[in-house]
Protein backbone atom coordinates (compact mmCIF):
# COMPACT_ATOMS: atom_id res chain seq x y z
CA MET A 1 25.64 -11.93 -10.70
CA THR A 2 23.13 -12.67 -8.02
CA GLN A 3 21.11 -15.86 -8.12
CA ASP A 4 17.91 -14.38 -6.74
CA ILE A 5 16.89 -12.07 -9.61
CA CYS A 6 16.04 -12.67 -13.26
CA GLN A 7 18.93 -12.54 -15.70
CA VAL A 8 16.66 -11.12 -18.43
CA THR A 9 13.59 -8.86 -18.42
CA ILE A 10 10.52 -10.57 -19.82
CA ILE A 11 7.10 -9.25 -18.80
CA ASN A 12 4.33 -11.87 -18.62
CA GLN A 13 1.18 -9.84 -19.22
CA GLN A 14 -1.11 -12.78 -18.49
CA ARG A 15 0.34 -13.30 -15.02
CA ILE A 16 0.27 -9.57 -14.33
CA ALA A 17 -3.40 -9.40 -15.33
CA GLN A 18 -4.18 -12.42 -13.15
CA ALA A 19 -2.44 -10.86 -10.14
CA ARG A 20 -4.04 -7.45 -10.77
CA LYS A 21 -7.50 -9.02 -10.94
CA GLN A 22 -7.03 -10.62 -7.50
CA MET A 23 -5.39 -7.55 -5.91
CA PRO A 24 -7.54 -5.91 -3.21
CA ASP A 25 -8.11 -2.15 -3.38
CA ASP A 26 -5.59 0.21 -1.78
CA THR A 27 -7.74 0.88 1.29
CA THR A 28 -7.95 -2.83 2.03
CA LEU A 29 -4.20 -3.26 1.51
CA VAL A 30 -3.49 -0.43 3.96
CA GLU A 31 -5.76 -2.08 6.54
CA ILE A 32 -3.92 -5.39 6.07
CA ALA A 33 -0.56 -3.63 6.51
CA GLU A 34 -1.83 -1.87 9.65
CA THR A 35 -2.97 -5.21 11.07
CA PHE A 36 0.45 -6.76 10.46
CA LYS A 37 2.13 -3.70 12.00
CA LEU A 38 -0.01 -4.19 15.09
CA LEU A 39 0.97 -7.86 15.21
CA GLY A 40 4.64 -6.87 14.98
CA ASP A 41 4.86 -6.32 18.73
CA PRO A 42 5.93 -9.30 20.90
CA THR A 43 3.69 -8.26 23.81
CA ARG A 44 0.62 -8.17 21.59
CA VAL A 45 1.57 -11.54 20.10
CA LYS A 46 1.82 -12.99 23.62
CA ILE A 47 -1.62 -11.59 24.42
CA LEU A 48 -3.05 -13.18 21.27
CA GLN A 49 -1.41 -16.52 22.03
CA ALA A 50 -2.93 -16.48 25.51
CA LEU A 51 -6.36 -15.48 24.20
CA ALA A 52 -6.16 -18.25 21.62
CA VAL A 53 -6.31 -20.66 24.56
CA THR A 54 -9.04 -19.01 26.64
CA GLU A 55 -10.66 -15.69 27.37
CA LEU A 56 -8.87 -13.72 30.08
CA CYS A 57 -9.32 -10.50 32.01
CA VAL A 58 -6.71 -7.74 32.18
CA CYS A 59 -5.59 -8.95 35.62
CA ASP A 60 -5.04 -12.49 34.29
CA LEU A 61 -3.05 -11.21 31.32
CA ALA A 62 -0.99 -8.90 33.53
CA ALA A 63 -0.10 -11.78 35.85
CA LEU A 64 0.65 -14.12 32.96
CA LEU A 65 2.90 -11.66 31.14
CA GLU A 66 4.32 -10.11 34.33
CA MET A 67 3.27 -6.63 33.28
CA THR A 68 1.11 -3.90 34.77
CA SER A 69 -2.61 -3.87 34.16
CA SER A 70 -2.20 -0.42 32.63
CA ALA A 71 0.30 -1.72 30.05
CA ILE A 72 -1.97 -4.65 29.19
CA SER A 73 -5.01 -2.37 28.89
CA HIS A 74 -3.11 -0.15 26.46
CA GLN A 75 -2.22 -3.12 24.26
CA LEU A 76 -5.77 -4.47 24.38
CA ARG A 77 -7.13 -1.05 23.38
CA LEU A 78 -4.97 -1.13 20.24
CA LEU A 79 -6.01 -4.69 19.41
CA ARG A 80 -9.67 -3.89 20.01
CA ALA A 81 -9.51 -0.84 17.72
CA ARG A 82 -8.42 -3.09 14.82
CA GLY A 83 -11.10 -5.67 15.58
CA ILE A 84 -8.59 -8.30 16.67
CA VAL A 85 -9.95 -8.80 20.17
CA ARG A 86 -13.37 -8.24 21.72
CA PHE A 87 -14.53 -7.96 25.29
CA ARG A 88 -17.54 -8.91 27.32
CA LYS A 89 -18.52 -7.59 30.68
CA GLN A 90 -19.66 -9.93 33.43
CA GLY A 91 -20.56 -8.01 36.56
CA LYS A 92 -17.45 -6.04 37.50
CA MET A 93 -15.18 -8.21 35.36
CA VAL A 94 -14.23 -7.58 31.72
CA TYR A 95 -13.06 -10.61 29.74
CA TYR A 96 -11.15 -10.45 26.48
CA ALA A 97 -11.13 -12.98 23.66
CA LEU A 98 -10.03 -13.17 20.06
CA ASP A 99 -12.64 -11.39 17.98
CA ASP A 100 -13.44 -14.20 15.55
CA SER A 101 -12.27 -17.40 13.92
CA HIS A 102 -10.23 -15.45 11.35
CA VAL A 103 -8.04 -14.06 14.11
CA GLN A 104 -7.76 -17.53 15.66
CA THR A 105 -6.65 -18.88 12.28
CA LEU A 106 -4.14 -16.05 11.86
CA VAL A 107 -2.59 -16.84 15.25
CA GLU A 108 -2.50 -20.60 14.54
CA VAL A 109 -1.06 -20.23 11.03
CA SER A 110 1.59 -17.77 12.25
CA LEU A 111 2.68 -20.17 14.96
CA CYS A 112 2.71 -23.06 12.51
CA HIS A 113 4.77 -21.05 10.02
CA VAL A 114 7.40 -20.14 12.62
CA THR A 115 7.59 -23.61 14.18
CA GLU A 116 7.28 -25.39 10.80
CA CYS A 117 4.59 -27.70 12.17
């Protein structure tokens, strides 16, 4: 028998009710899953790590990641659509940054989890 599953079936209704009460609605859960799917790409994670340090333009990100500006723009478009990054225009330059402190926290906690800091 495997060690990682229960040996008997006992349903704890109190715990189920507690978990159900805290469970977000299905729409919210789908949005969370879509966000994690988006973060499942190493290039996008690199972009987020860079933007966690400072705001950068597409040219900066392309040079940093050794990719084309077109490829970086595509990734930023996806991240922007989910509200993960935002941009600001300054003259002819467009700078990208993490959208808010929640995204910053998500990046920091993910790094901490992986590196066991």
